C-alpha atoms as a PDB file:
ATOM      1  CA  UNK A   1     -42.458 -20.268 -61.407  1.00  0.00           C
ATOM      2  CA  UNK A   2     -43.758 -19.041 -57.692  1.00  0.00           C
ATOM      3  CA  UNK A   3     -43.379 -21.210 -55.174  1.00  0.00           C
ATOM      4  CA  UNK A   4     -46.479 -21.784 -52.612  1.00  0.00           C
ATOM      5  CA  UNK A   5     -44.821 -23.760 -49.858  1.00  0.00           C
ATOM      6  CA  UNK A   6     -45.190 -20.573 -47.139  1.00  0.00           C
ATOM      7  CA  UNK A   7     -41.712 -20.942 -46.372  1.00  0.00           C
ATOM      8  CA  UNK A   8     -39.953 -17.259 -45.896  1.00  0.00           C
ATOM      9  CA  UNK A   9     -35.915 -16.178 -45.612  1.00  0.00           C
ATOM     10  CA  UNK A  10     -34.179 -17.487 -42.782  1.00  0.00           C
ATOM     11  CA  UNK A  11     -32.012 -14.115 -42.663  1.00  0.00           C
ATOM     12  CA  UNK A  12     -34.843 -12.260 -40.686  1.00  0.00           C
ATOM     13  CA  UNK A  13     -35.705 -10.473 -44.168  1.00  0.00           C
ATOM     14  CA  UNK A  14     -38.881 -11.604 -44.895  1.00  0.00           C
ATOM     15  CA  UNK A  15     -41.152  -8.547 -43.766  1.00  0.00           C
ATOM     16  CA  UNK A  16     -39.019  -6.236 -46.184  1.00  0.00           C
ATOM     17  CA  UNK A  17     -38.992  -8.840 -48.574  1.00  0.00           C
ATOM     18  CA  UNK A  18     -42.869  -7.833 -49.444  1.00  0.00           C
ATOM     19  CA  UNK A  19     -42.177  -4.519 -50.398  1.00  0.00           C
ATOM     20  CA  UNK A  20     -39.523  -5.637 -53.139  1.00  0.00           C
ATOM     21  CA  UNK A  21     -40.891  -5.541 -56.756  1.00  0.00           C
ATOM     22  CA  UNK A  22     -39.838  -8.998 -57.251  1.00  0.00           C
ATOM     23  CA  UNK A  23     -41.355 -10.166 -53.955  1.00  0.00           C
ATOM     24  CA  UNK A  24     -44.160 -12.948 -55.402  1.00  0.00           C
ATOM     25  CA  UNK A  25     -47.868 -11.812 -55.055  1.00  0.00           C
ATOM     26  CA  UNK A  26     -50.220 -12.693 -52.422  1.00  0.00           C
ATOM     27  CA  UNK A  27     -52.716 -15.223 -53.707  1.00  0.00           C
ATOM     28  CA  UNK A  28     -54.559 -15.249 -50.956  1.00  0.00           C
ATOM     29  CA  UNK A  29     -55.630 -18.411 -49.366  1.00  0.00           C
ATOM     30  CA  UNK A  30     -56.137 -21.762 -51.837  1.00  0.00           C
ATOM     31  CA  UNK A  31     -58.271 -23.687 -52.510  1.00  0.00           C
ATOM     32  CA  UNK A  32     -57.777 -27.854 -50.693  1.00  0.00           C
ATOM     33  CA  UNK A  33     -58.788 -30.474 -51.901  1.00  0.00           C
ATOM     34  CA  UNK A  34     -58.532 -33.595 -49.328  1.00  0.00           C
ATOM     35  CA  UNK A  35     -58.463 -36.329 -51.200  1.00  0.00           C
ATOM     36  CA  UNK A  36     -60.002 -39.789 -49.367  1.00  0.00           C
ATOM     37  CA  UNK A  37     -59.769 -43.048 -50.864  1.00  0.00           C
ATOM     38  CA  UNK A  38     -62.875 -45.315 -50.113  1.00  0.00           C
ATOM     39  CA  UNK A  39     -62.147 -48.514 -47.575  1.00  0.00           C
ATOM     40  CA  UNK A  40     -61.978 -51.603 -48.520  1.00  0.00           C
ATOM     41  CA  UNK A  41     -63.880 -53.948 -50.776  1.00  0.00           C
ATOM     42  CA  UNK A  42     -63.962 -57.703 -51.050  1.00  0.00           C
ATOM     43  CA  UNK A  43     -62.579 -57.235 -54.147  1.00  0.00           C
ATOM     44  CA  UNK A  44     -59.264 -54.830 -52.656  1.00  0.00           C
ATOM     45  CA  UNK A  45     -57.105 -57.212 -51.146  1.00  0.00           C
ATOM     46  CA  UNK A  46     -57.399 -59.435 -54.311  1.00  0.00           C
ATOM     47  CA  UNK A  47     -56.101 -56.760 -56.123  1.00  0.00           C
ATOM     48  CA  UNK A  48     -58.757 -57.257 -59.057  1.00  0.00           C
ATOM     49  CA  UNK A  49     -60.155 -54.140 -61.421  1.00  0.00           C
ATOM     50  CA  UNK A  50     -62.877 -52.685 -59.592  1.00  0.00           C
ATOM     51  CA  UNK A  51     -64.039 -49.728 -61.771  1.00  0.00           C
ATOM     52  CA  UNK A  52     -67.576 -48.132 -62.534  1.00  0.00           C
ATOM     53  CA  UNK A  53     -68.545 -50.739 -65.414  1.00  0.00           C
ATOM     54  CA  UNK A  54     -71.734 -52.396 -65.488  1.00  0.00           C
ATOM     55  CA  UNK A  55     -70.180 -55.915 -65.266  1.00  0.00           C
ATOM     56  CA  UNK A  56     -70.962 -58.208 -62.075  1.00  0.00           C
ATOM     57  CA  UNK A  57     -69.203 -56.524 -58.999  1.00  0.00           C
ATOM     58  CA  UNK A  58     -68.238 -53.069 -60.738  1.00  0.00           C
ATOM     59  CA  UNK A  59     -70.523 -51.969 -57.974  1.00  0.00           C
ATOM     60  CA  UNK A  60     -69.741 -53.238 -54.308  1.00  0.00           C
ATOM     61  CA  UNK A  61     -69.704 -52.118 -51.134  1.00  0.00           C
ATOM     62  CA  UNK A  62     -67.332 -51.567 -48.329  1.00  0.00           C
ATOM     63  CA  UNK A  63     -66.278 -55.011 -46.355  1.00  0.00           C
ATOM     64  CA  UNK A  64     -65.928 -54.799 -42.288  1.00  0.00           C
ATOM     65  CA  UNK A  65     -62.443 -54.235 -43.111  1.00  0.00           C
ATOM     66  CA  UNK A  66     -63.768 -51.267 -45.201  1.00  0.00           C
ATOM     67  CA  UNK A  67     -66.047 -50.421 -42.856  1.00  0.00           C
ATOM     68  CA  UNK A  68     -63.914 -49.618 -39.659  1.00  0.00           C
ATOM     69  CA  UNK A  69     -60.990 -48.016 -42.161  1.00  0.00           C
ATOM     70  CA  UNK A  70     -64.137 -45.617 -42.831  1.00  0.00           C
ATOM     71  CA  UNK A  71     -64.911 -44.881 -39.424  1.00  0.00           C
ATOM     72  CA  UNK A  72     -60.968 -44.355 -38.516  1.00  0.00           C
ATOM     73  CA  UNK A  73     -60.491 -41.941 -41.451  1.00  0.00           C
ATOM     74  CA  UNK A  74     -63.535 -39.646 -40.312  1.00  0.00           C
ATOM     75  CA  UNK A  75     -62.392 -39.500 -37.073  1.00  0.00           C
ATOM     76  CA  UNK A  76     -59.364 -38.361 -38.687  1.00  0.00           C
ATOM     77  CA  UNK A  77     -60.772 -35.680 -40.234  1.00  0.00           C
ATOM     78  CA  UNK A  78     -62.408 -34.713 -37.587  1.00  0.00           C
ATOM     79  CA  UNK A  79     -59.497 -34.392 -35.390  1.00  0.00           C
ATOM     80  CA  UNK A  80     -57.798 -31.931 -37.795  1.00  0.00           C
ATOM     81  CA  UNK A  81     -56.920 -28.518 -37.268  1.00  0.00           C
ATOM     82  CA  UNK A  82     -58.121 -27.234 -40.951  1.00  0.00           C
ATOM     83  CA  UNK A  83     -61.709 -27.699 -40.881  1.00  0.00           C
ATOM     84  CA  UNK A  84     -63.492 -29.708 -43.713  1.00  0.00           C
ATOM     85  CA  UNK A  85     -65.971 -26.993 -45.227  1.00  0.00           C
ATOM     86  CA  UNK A  86     -67.712 -29.481 -47.442  1.00  0.00           C
ATOM     87  CA  UNK A  87     -68.041 -33.095 -48.634  1.00  0.00           C
ATOM     88  CA  UNK A  88     -67.793 -34.238 -52.332  1.00  0.00           C
ATOM     89  CA  UNK A  89     -68.255 -37.984 -53.781  1.00  0.00           C
ATOM     90  CA  UNK A  90     -68.229 -40.509 -56.292  1.00  0.00           C
ATOM     91  CA  UNK A  91     -71.199 -41.657 -56.920  1.00  0.00           C
ATOM     92  CA  UNK A  92     -69.905 -45.376 -56.283  1.00  0.00           C
ATOM     93  CA  UNK A  93     -71.709 -47.104 -53.209  1.00  0.00           C
ATOM     94  CA  UNK A  94     -68.052 -47.925 -52.085  1.00  0.00           C
ATOM     95  CA  UNK A  95     -67.205 -43.692 -52.206  1.00  0.00           C
ATOM     96  CA  UNK A  96     -70.602 -42.973 -51.123  1.00  0.00           C
ATOM     97  CA  UNK A  97     -70.830 -45.180 -47.745  1.00  0.00           C
ATOM     98  CA  UNK A  98     -67.068 -43.527 -47.144  1.00  0.00           C
ATOM     99  CA  UNK A  99     -68.147 -40.240 -47.220  1.00  0.00           C
ATOM    100  CA  UNK A 100     -71.001 -40.810 -44.881  1.00  0.00           C
ATOM    101  CA  UNK A 101     -68.519 -41.879 -41.735  1.00  0.00           C
ATOM    102  CA  UNK A 102     -66.872 -38.642 -42.625  1.00  0.00           C
ATOM    103  CA  UNK A 103     -70.113 -36.427 -42.864  1.00  0.00           C
ATOM    104  CA  UNK A 104     -71.061 -38.151 -39.202  1.00  0.00           C
ATOM    105  CA  UNK A 105     -68.346 -36.863 -37.962  1.00  0.00           C
ATOM    106  CA  UNK A 106     -68.139 -33.841 -39.631  1.00  0.00           C
ATOM    107  CA  UNK A 107     -71.453 -32.854 -39.051  1.00  0.00           C
ATOM    108  CA  UNK A 108     -71.786 -31.981 -43.069  1.00  0.00           C
ATOM    109  CA  UNK A 109     -74.414 -32.741 -45.849  1.00  0.00           C
ATOM    110  CA  UNK A 110     -72.443 -35.525 -48.706  1.00  0.00           C
ATOM    111  CA  UNK A 111     -72.863 -33.825 -52.473  1.00  0.00           C
ATOM    112  CA  UNK A 112     -72.122 -36.197 -55.132  1.00  0.00           C
ATOM    113  CA  UNK A 113     -70.248 -35.489 -58.045  1.00  0.00           C
ATOM    114  CA  UNK A 114     -70.742 -37.714 -61.148  1.00  0.00           C
ATOM    115  CA  UNK A 115     -67.193 -37.231 -62.277  1.00  0.00           C
ATOM    116  CA  UNK A 116     -65.286 -38.626 -59.555  1.00  0.00           C
ATOM    117  CA  UNK A 117     -66.644 -42.094 -60.425  1.00  0.00           C
ATOM    118  CA  UNK A 118     -63.548 -44.441 -61.207  1.00  0.00           C
ATOM    119  CA  UNK A 119     -62.692 -45.513 -64.454  1.00  0.00           C
ATOM    120  CA  UNK A 120     -64.852 -47.828 -66.576  1.00  0.00           C
ATOM    121  CA  UNK A 121     -62.820 -50.937 -66.550  1.00  0.00           C
ATOM    122  CA  UNK A 122     -65.417 -52.874 -69.792  1.00  0.00           C
ATOM    123  CA  UNK A 123     -64.518 -56.440 -69.364  1.00  0.00           C
ATOM    124  CA  UNK A 124     -61.897 -56.517 -66.703  1.00  0.00           C
ATOM    125  CA  UNK A 125     -64.357 -55.792 -64.081  1.00  0.00           C
ATOM    126  CA  UNK A 126     -63.949 -58.095 -61.262  1.00  0.00           C
ATOM    127  CA  UNK A 127     -60.427 -59.334 -62.573  1.00  0.00           C
ATOM    128  CA  UNK A 128     -57.557 -59.535 -61.694  1.00  0.00           C
ATOM    129  CA  UNK A 129     -54.215 -58.133 -63.389  1.00  0.00           C
ATOM    130  CA  UNK A 130     -52.861 -61.604 -64.190  1.00  0.00           C
ATOM    131  CA  UNK A 131     -56.451 -62.765 -65.283  1.00  0.00           C
ATOM    132  CA  UNK A 132     -56.172 -60.009 -68.021  1.00  0.00           C
ATOM    133  CA  UNK A 133     -53.044 -60.389 -68.822  1.00  0.00           C
ATOM    134  CA  UNK A 134     -54.568 -64.343 -69.881  1.00  0.00           C
ATOM    135  CA  UNK A 135     -57.677 -63.509 -71.355  1.00  0.00           C
ATOM    136  CA  UNK A 136     -56.633 -60.046 -73.066  1.00  0.00           C
ATOM    137  CA  UNK A 137     -52.647 -59.673 -73.559  1.00  0.00           C
ATOM    138  CA  UNK A 138     -52.665 -57.643 -76.587  1.00  0.00           C
ATOM    139  CA  UNK A 139     -55.636 -55.027 -74.647  1.00  0.00           C
ATOM    140  CA  UNK A 140     -53.166 -54.854 -71.830  1.00  0.00           C
ATOM    141  CA  UNK A 141     -50.188 -54.306 -72.815  1.00  0.00           C
ATOM    142  CA  UNK A 142     -51.720 -52.065 -75.547  1.00  0.00           C
ATOM    143  CA  UNK A 143     -53.284 -50.050 -72.169  1.00  0.00           C
ATOM    144  CA  UNK A 144     -50.446 -50.072 -69.763  1.00  0.00           C
ATOM    145  CA  UNK A 145     -48.398 -48.593 -73.252  1.00  0.00           C
ATOM    146  CA  UNK A 146     -50.513 -45.514 -73.860  1.00  0.00           C
ATOM    147  CA  UNK A 147     -52.640 -43.275 -72.041  1.00  0.00           C
ATOM    148  CA  UNK A 148     -55.379 -43.482 -74.938  1.00  0.00           C
ATOM    149  CA  UNK A 149     -56.051 -47.076 -75.162  1.00  0.00           C
ATOM    150  CA  UNK A 150     -58.985 -48.663 -73.687  1.00  0.00           C
ATOM    151  CA  UNK A 151     -59.714 -51.640 -71.571  1.00  0.00           C
ATOM    152  CA  UNK A 152     -61.479 -54.692 -73.685  1.00  0.00           C
ATOM    153  CA  UNK A 153     -65.041 -53.957 -74.690  1.00  0.00           C
ATOM    154  CA  UNK A 154     -65.669 -50.335 -74.544  1.00  0.00           C
ATOM    155  CA  UNK A 155     -63.971 -49.404 -71.332  1.00  0.00           C
ATOM    156  CA  UNK A 156     -62.746 -45.627 -70.592  1.00  0.00           C
ATOM    157  CA  UNK A 157     -58.672 -44.761 -70.783  1.00  0.00           C
ATOM    158  CA  UNK A 158     -56.762 -42.696 -68.805  1.00  0.00           C
ATOM    159  CA  UNK A 159     -56.811 -39.445 -71.232  1.00  0.00           C
ATOM    160  CA  UNK A 160     -60.761 -39.710 -71.015  1.00  0.00           C
ATOM    161  CA  UNK A 161     -60.541 -40.608 -66.952  1.00  0.00           C
ATOM    162  CA  UNK A 162     -58.120 -37.471 -67.113  1.00  0.00           C
ATOM    163  CA  UNK A 163     -60.262 -35.060 -68.566  1.00  0.00           C
ATOM    164  CA  UNK A 164     -63.262 -35.365 -66.489  1.00  0.00           C
ATOM    165  CA  UNK A 165     -61.469 -35.497 -63.860  1.00  0.00           C
ATOM    166  CA  UNK A 166     -60.232 -32.533 -64.083  1.00  0.00           C
ATOM    167  CA  UNK A 167     -63.450 -30.973 -65.390  1.00  0.00           C
ATOM    168  CA  UNK A 168     -64.422 -31.815 -61.710  1.00  0.00           C
ATOM    169  CA  UNK A 169     -61.011 -30.649 -59.928  1.00  0.00           C
ATOM    170  CA  UNK A 170     -61.996 -27.588 -62.084  1.00  0.00           C
ATOM    171  CA  UNK A 171     -65.483 -26.852 -61.011  1.00  0.00           C
ATOM    172  CA  UNK A 172     -64.652 -27.787 -57.708  1.00  0.00           C
ATOM    173  CA  UNK A 173     -62.130 -24.931 -57.573  1.00  0.00           C
ATOM    174  CA  UNK A 174     -64.281 -22.209 -58.640  1.00  0.00           C
ATOM    175  CA  UNK A 175     -66.970 -23.365 -56.202  1.00  0.00           C
ATOM    176  CA  UNK A 176     -65.469 -23.753 -53.193  1.00  0.00           C
ATOM    177  CA  UNK A 177     -62.565 -21.026 -53.734  1.00  0.00           C
ATOM    178  CA  UNK A 178     -60.435 -20.825 -50.534  1.00  0.00           C
ATOM    179  CA  UNK A 179     -61.773 -23.392 -48.934  1.00  0.00           C
ATOM    180  CA  UNK A 180     -61.246 -26.742 -47.866  1.00  0.00           C
ATOM    181  CA  UNK A 181     -62.598 -28.821 -49.849  1.00  0.00           C
ATOM    182  CA  UNK A 182     -63.088 -33.325 -48.469  1.00  0.00           C
ATOM    183  CA  UNK A 183     -63.281 -35.228 -52.259  1.00  0.00           C
ATOM    184  CA  UNK A 184     -63.859 -39.395 -51.888  1.00  0.00           C
ATOM    185  CA  UNK A 185     -62.904 -40.807 -54.702  1.00  0.00           C
ATOM    186  CA  UNK A 186     -60.952 -43.817 -55.940  1.00  0.00           C
ATOM    187  CA  UNK A 187     -56.953 -45.073 -57.122  1.00  0.00           C
ATOM    188  CA  UNK A 188     -57.427 -43.689 -60.638  1.00  0.00           C
ATOM    189  CA  UNK A 189     -58.710 -40.267 -59.809  1.00  0.00           C
ATOM    190  CA  UNK A 190     -56.763 -40.168 -56.883  1.00  0.00           C
ATOM    191  CA  UNK A 191     -53.377 -40.494 -59.211  1.00  0.00           C
ATOM    192  CA  UNK A 192     -54.718 -38.077 -61.652  1.00  0.00           C
ATOM    193  CA  UNK A 193     -55.499 -35.459 -59.405  1.00  0.00           C
ATOM    194  CA  UNK A 194     -51.848 -35.274 -58.302  1.00  0.00           C
ATOM    195  CA  UNK A 195     -50.490 -36.628 -61.569  1.00  0.00           C
ATOM    196  CA  UNK A 196     -51.956 -33.046 -62.951  1.00  0.00           C
ATOM    197  CA  UNK A 197     -50.492 -31.226 -59.898  1.00  0.00           C
ATOM    198  CA  UNK A 198     -46.961 -32.474 -60.653  1.00  0.00           C
ATOM    199  CA  UNK A 199     -47.101 -32.305 -64.243  1.00  0.00           C
ATOM    200  CA  UNK A 200     -45.918 -36.071 -64.608  1.00  0.00           C
ATOM    201  CA  UNK A 201     -46.653 -37.559 -67.374  1.00  0.00           C
ATOM    202  CA  UNK A 202     -49.257 -40.668 -67.374  1.00  0.00           C
ATOM    203  CA  UNK A 203     -46.966 -43.399 -66.797  1.00  0.00           C
ATOM    204  CA  UNK A 204     -46.331 -42.274 -63.563  1.00  0.00           C
ATOM    205  CA  UNK A 205     -49.733 -43.294 -62.656  1.00  0.00           C
ATOM    206  CA  UNK A 206     -48.110 -46.584 -62.116  1.00  0.00           C
ATOM    207  CA  UNK A 207     -45.402 -45.677 -59.718  1.00  0.00           C
ATOM    208  CA  UNK A 208     -47.874 -44.085 -57.249  1.00  0.00           C
ATOM    209  CA  UNK A 209     -48.940 -46.550 -54.304  1.00  0.00           C
ATOM    210  CA  UNK A 210     -52.507 -45.478 -53.235  1.00  0.00           C
ATOM    211  CA  UNK A 211     -53.825 -47.261 -49.845  1.00  0.00           C
ATOM    212  CA  UNK A 212     -57.726 -47.884 -49.243  1.00  0.00           C
ATOM    213  CA  UNK A 213     -59.008 -45.292 -46.798  1.00  0.00           C
ATOM    214  CA  UNK A 214     -55.856 -43.112 -47.464  1.00  0.00           C
ATOM    215  CA  UNK A 215     -55.384 -39.434 -47.645  1.00  0.00           C
ATOM    216  CA  UNK A 216     -53.678 -37.185 -49.920  1.00  0.00           C
ATOM    217  CA  UNK A 217     -54.196 -33.055 -50.037  1.00  0.00           C
ATOM    218  CA  UNK A 218     -53.708 -31.047 -52.920  1.00  0.00           C
ATOM    219  CA  UNK A 219     -54.046 -27.223 -52.238  1.00  0.00           C
ATOM    220  CA  UNK A 220     -54.408 -25.244 -55.634  1.00  0.00           C
ATOM    221  CA  UNK A 221     -53.440 -20.990 -56.232  1.00  0.00           C
ATOM    222  CA  UNK A 222     -55.245 -18.435 -57.555  1.00  0.00           C
ATOM    223  CA  UNK A 223     -52.414 -18.197 -60.025  1.00  0.00           C
ATOM    224  CA  UNK A 224     -53.164 -21.340 -61.633  1.00  0.00           C
ATOM    225  CA  UNK A 225     -50.521 -23.613 -59.602  1.00  0.00           C
ATOM    226  CA  UNK A 226     -50.687 -26.479 -56.989  1.00  0.00           C
ATOM    227  CA  UNK A 227     -48.577 -27.627 -54.418  1.00  0.00           C
ATOM    228  CA  UNK A 228     -49.238 -31.548 -53.517  1.00  0.00           C
ATOM    229  CA  UNK A 229     -49.029 -31.592 -49.638  1.00  0.00           C
ATOM    230  CA  UNK A 230     -49.127 -34.740 -48.968  1.00  0.00           C
ATOM    231  CA  UNK A 231     -50.023 -38.475 -50.762  1.00  0.00           C
ATOM    232  CA  UNK A 232     -51.084 -41.976 -49.546  1.00  0.00           C
ATOM    233  CA  UNK A 233     -51.223 -40.602 -45.434  1.00  0.00           C
ATOM    234  CA  UNK A 234     -52.380 -43.666 -43.591  1.00  0.00           C
ATOM    235  CA  UNK A 235     -51.180 -43.065 -39.913  1.00  0.00           C
ATOM    236  CA  UNK A 236     -54.991 -42.799 -38.917  1.00  0.00           C
ATOM    237  CA  UNK A 237     -55.222 -46.736 -39.966  1.00  0.00           C
ATOM    238  CA  UNK A 238     -52.435 -48.330 -37.829  1.00  0.00           C
END
């Protein structure tokens, strides 16, 4: 697989390498998705399932802490050397509020992308992991074991979420080829995009940490390859 890290040979042969038959092709400017997780809500520090289902509390607003985090992330985005060209967001309130903070700093409109919404956690919405384990132990065990398992009450499996998130990714990459897109979304969609970029198995989702208002960056190239540039960047929040 061709490396896309941008490094050149250290022996001074970079100029001659371009003329060799085996030199990598010029794939042009990659499409960059700059992934911003929304700021905290009241449910975030309690580590409760907060998805896109219809249960009570499924679409909370940002807390005071979350609004401050969104403002810090927005300021960091405005200070980046590489400008953001477009802002897209999940339709859920916590993401739209985070995206609007960025839009105010970047002087860009916000576009809603339905497929970037969080998982529908069904009957688990608003519950902690421990509460789900006590109320629905068999369903939770199945969900942890298989990406095809659904949360209790008709929620979405990780496989279903991955399919719609990949559709959104492909649509954005096609529509904004060679540009930088700020994508404001949630834990599961962001982790899914990272997993797919790395070619990692579904269980890798449980081995990533993703803080509220963190930034993750993925570059997508014309040959179909992707490079994870940063994961869970939080320096702007300190």
